Amino acid sequence: MYPPAARRILLAVSTLILAPATSLCQTLPTAPPPAPTRVVVDEYYGNRIEDPYRYMEDLKSSEVQAWFKAQNDYTRSVLA
C-alpha cells in the first residue's frame, strides 16, 4: 500500500485530471436527436418497398429543418 503522503498526492492528481472530464461529460447531450419515421410504401412489380425517411427529402419542411438544426447543435457541442 502507498504511504499516506503518496495517497494524498495521488488523490489530488487524479482529482485534477478527472474533474474536467467529469464536468464536460455532464454538459454534453447523451445522444444526437433521433430522426422520426414516417413510413411511405411504394409498390414496384408486386414488391412493397417501405421508406421510413422519405419525408426528409423535402428540405424545405420545417420539421426536417428543425431536425437538421438539432443534429448540428449536438455535433457542435461535442466538437467544442
C-alpha atoms as a PDB file:
ATOM      1  CA  MET A   1       0.000   0.000   0.000  1.00  0.00           C
ATOM      2  CA  TYR A   2       1.098   3.590  -0.557  1.00  0.00           C
ATOM      3  CA  PRO A   3       2.173   5.732   2.383  1.00  0.00           C
ATOM      4  CA  PRO A   4      -0.376   8.405   3.456  1.00  0.00           C
ATOM      5  CA  ALA A   5       1.507  11.280   1.792  1.00  0.00           C
ATOM      6  CA  ALA A   6       1.659   9.435  -1.525  1.00  0.00           C
ATOM      7  CA  ARG A   7      -2.064   8.609  -1.305  1.00  0.00           C
ATOM      8  CA  ARG A   8      -2.874  12.287  -0.804  1.00  0.00           C
ATOM      9  CA  ILE A   9      -0.771  13.228  -3.834  1.00  0.00           C
ATOM     10  CA  LEU A  10      -2.383  10.523  -5.982  1.00  0.00           C
ATOM     11  CA  LEU A  11      -5.836  11.668  -4.901  1.00  0.00           C
ATOM     12  CA  ALA A  12      -5.035  15.299  -5.714  1.00  0.00           C
ATOM     13  CA  VAL A  13      -3.602  14.437  -9.130  1.00  0.00           C
ATOM     14  CA  SER A  14      -6.499  12.148 -10.038  1.00  0.00           C
ATOM     15  CA  THR A  15      -8.964  14.855  -8.977  1.00  0.00           C
ATOM     16  CA  LEU A  16      -7.228  17.413 -11.192  1.00  0.00           C
ATOM     17  CA  ILE A  17      -7.207  15.044 -14.145  1.00  0.00           C
ATOM     18  CA  LEU A  18     -10.702  13.609 -13.805  1.00  0.00           C
ATOM     19  CA  ALA A  19     -12.672  16.661 -12.658  1.00  0.00           C
ATOM     20  CA  PRO A  20     -12.613  18.491 -16.030  1.00  0.00           C
ATOM     21  CA  ALA A  21     -13.576  15.316 -17.879  1.00  0.00           C
ATOM     22  CA  THR A  22     -16.417  14.625 -15.475  1.00  0.00           C
ATOM     23  CA  SER A  23     -17.837  18.136 -15.763  1.00  0.00           C
ATOM     24  CA  LEU A  24     -17.507  18.008 -19.555  1.00  0.00           C
ATOM     25  CA  CYS A  25     -19.442  14.751 -19.733  1.00  0.00           C
ATOM     26  CA  GLN A  26     -22.226  16.228 -17.648  1.00  0.00           C
ATOM     27  CA  THR A  27     -22.782  19.131 -20.056  1.00  0.00           C
ATOM     28  CA  LEU A  28     -22.856  17.125 -23.284  1.00  0.00           C
ATOM     29  CA  PRO A  29     -26.090  15.654 -24.610  1.00  0.00           C
ATOM     30  CA  THR A  30     -26.094  11.883 -24.324  1.00  0.00           C
ATOM     31  CA  ALA A  31     -27.047  11.196 -27.935  1.00  0.00           C
ATOM     32  CA  PRO A  32     -27.927  13.002 -31.133  1.00  0.00           C
ATOM     33  CA  PRO A  33     -31.623  13.621 -31.660  1.00  0.00           C
ATOM     34  CA  PRO A  34     -33.247  10.677 -33.445  1.00  0.00           C
ATOM     35  CA  ALA A  35     -34.991  11.193 -36.762  1.00  0.00           C
ATOM     36  CA  PRO A  36     -38.705  10.467 -36.531  1.00  0.00           C
ATOM     37  CA  THR A  37     -40.051   7.968 -39.030  1.00  0.00           C
ATOM     38  CA  ARG A  38     -42.969   8.415 -41.434  1.00  0.00           C
ATOM     39  CA  VAL A  39     -43.378   5.212 -43.419  1.00  0.00           C
ATOM     40  CA  VAL A  40     -44.195   5.652 -47.096  1.00  0.00           C
ATOM     41  CA  VAL A  41     -44.956   2.444 -49.003  1.00  0.00           C
ATOM     42  CA  ASP A  42     -44.453   2.071 -52.750  1.00  0.00           C
ATOM     43  CA  GLU A  43     -45.157  -0.996 -54.767  1.00  0.00           C
ATOM     44  CA  TYR A  44     -42.965  -1.954 -57.715  1.00  0.00           C
ATOM     45  CA  TYR A  45     -43.864  -5.068 -59.734  1.00  0.00           C
ATOM     46  CA  GLY A  46     -45.669  -6.600 -56.773  1.00  0.00           C
ATOM     47  CA  ASN A  47     -42.914  -5.817 -54.245  1.00  0.00           C
ATOM     48  CA  ARG A  48     -43.736  -3.480 -51.362  1.00  0.00           C
ATOM     49  CA  ILE A  49     -40.936  -1.075 -50.528  1.00  0.00           C
ATOM     50  CA  GLU A  50     -41.136   0.839 -47.248  1.00  0.00           C
ATOM     51  CA  ASP A  51     -39.170   4.068 -46.819  1.00  0.00           C
ATOM     52  CA  PRO A  52     -39.457   5.478 -43.295  1.00  0.00           C
ATOM     53  CA  TYR A  53     -37.304   8.525 -44.077  1.00  0.00           C
ATOM     54  CA  ARG A  54     -38.628   9.702 -47.436  1.00  0.00           C
ATOM     55  CA  TYR A  55     -40.219  12.744 -45.833  1.00  0.00           C
ATOM     56  CA  MET A  56     -36.672  14.000 -45.169  1.00  0.00           C
ATOM     57  CA  GLU A  57     -36.193  14.547 -48.899  1.00  0.00           C
ATOM     58  CA  ASP A  58     -38.282  17.699 -48.523  1.00  0.00           C
ATOM     59  CA  LEU A  59     -35.542  20.023 -47.268  1.00  0.00           C
ATOM     60  CA  LYS A  60     -37.956  22.959 -47.090  1.00  0.00           C
ATOM     61  CA  SER A  61     -40.089  21.192 -44.473  1.00  0.00           C
ATOM     62  CA  SER A  62     -39.943  22.925 -41.087  1.00  0.00           C
ATOM     63  CA  GLU A  63     -39.785  19.532 -39.337  1.00  0.00           C
ATOM     64  CA  VAL A  64     -36.776  18.438 -41.409  1.00  0.00           C
ATOM     65  CA  GLN A  65     -35.026  21.768 -40.901  1.00  0.00           C
ATOM     66  CA  ALA A  66     -35.591  21.541 -37.136  1.00  0.00           C
ATOM     67  CA  TRP A  67     -34.097  18.036 -37.108  1.00  0.00           C
ATOM     68  CA  PHE A  68     -31.029  19.207 -39.062  1.00  0.00           C
ATOM     69  CA  LYS A  69     -30.589  22.130 -36.663  1.00  0.00           C
ATOM     70  CA  ALA A  70     -30.802  19.789 -33.660  1.00  0.00           C
ATOM     71  CA  GLN A  71     -28.213  17.489 -35.266  1.00  0.00           C
ATOM     72  CA  ASN A  72     -25.942  20.465 -35.941  1.00  0.00           C
ATOM     73  CA  ASP A  73     -26.317  21.770 -32.376  1.00  0.00           C
ATOM     74  CA  TYR A  74     -25.436  18.337 -30.985  1.00  0.00           C
ATOM     75  CA  THR A  75     -22.398  17.990 -33.270  1.00  0.00           C
ATOM     76  CA  ARG A  76     -21.088  21.445 -32.399  1.00  0.00           C
ATOM     77  CA  SER A  77     -21.486  20.773 -28.663  1.00  0.00           C
ATOM     78  CA  VAL A  78     -19.476  17.558 -28.949  1.00  0.00           C
ATOM     79  CA  LEU A  79     -16.741  19.130 -31.073  1.00  0.00           C
ATOM     80  CA  ALA A  80     -16.459  22.163 -28.796  1.00  0.00           C
END
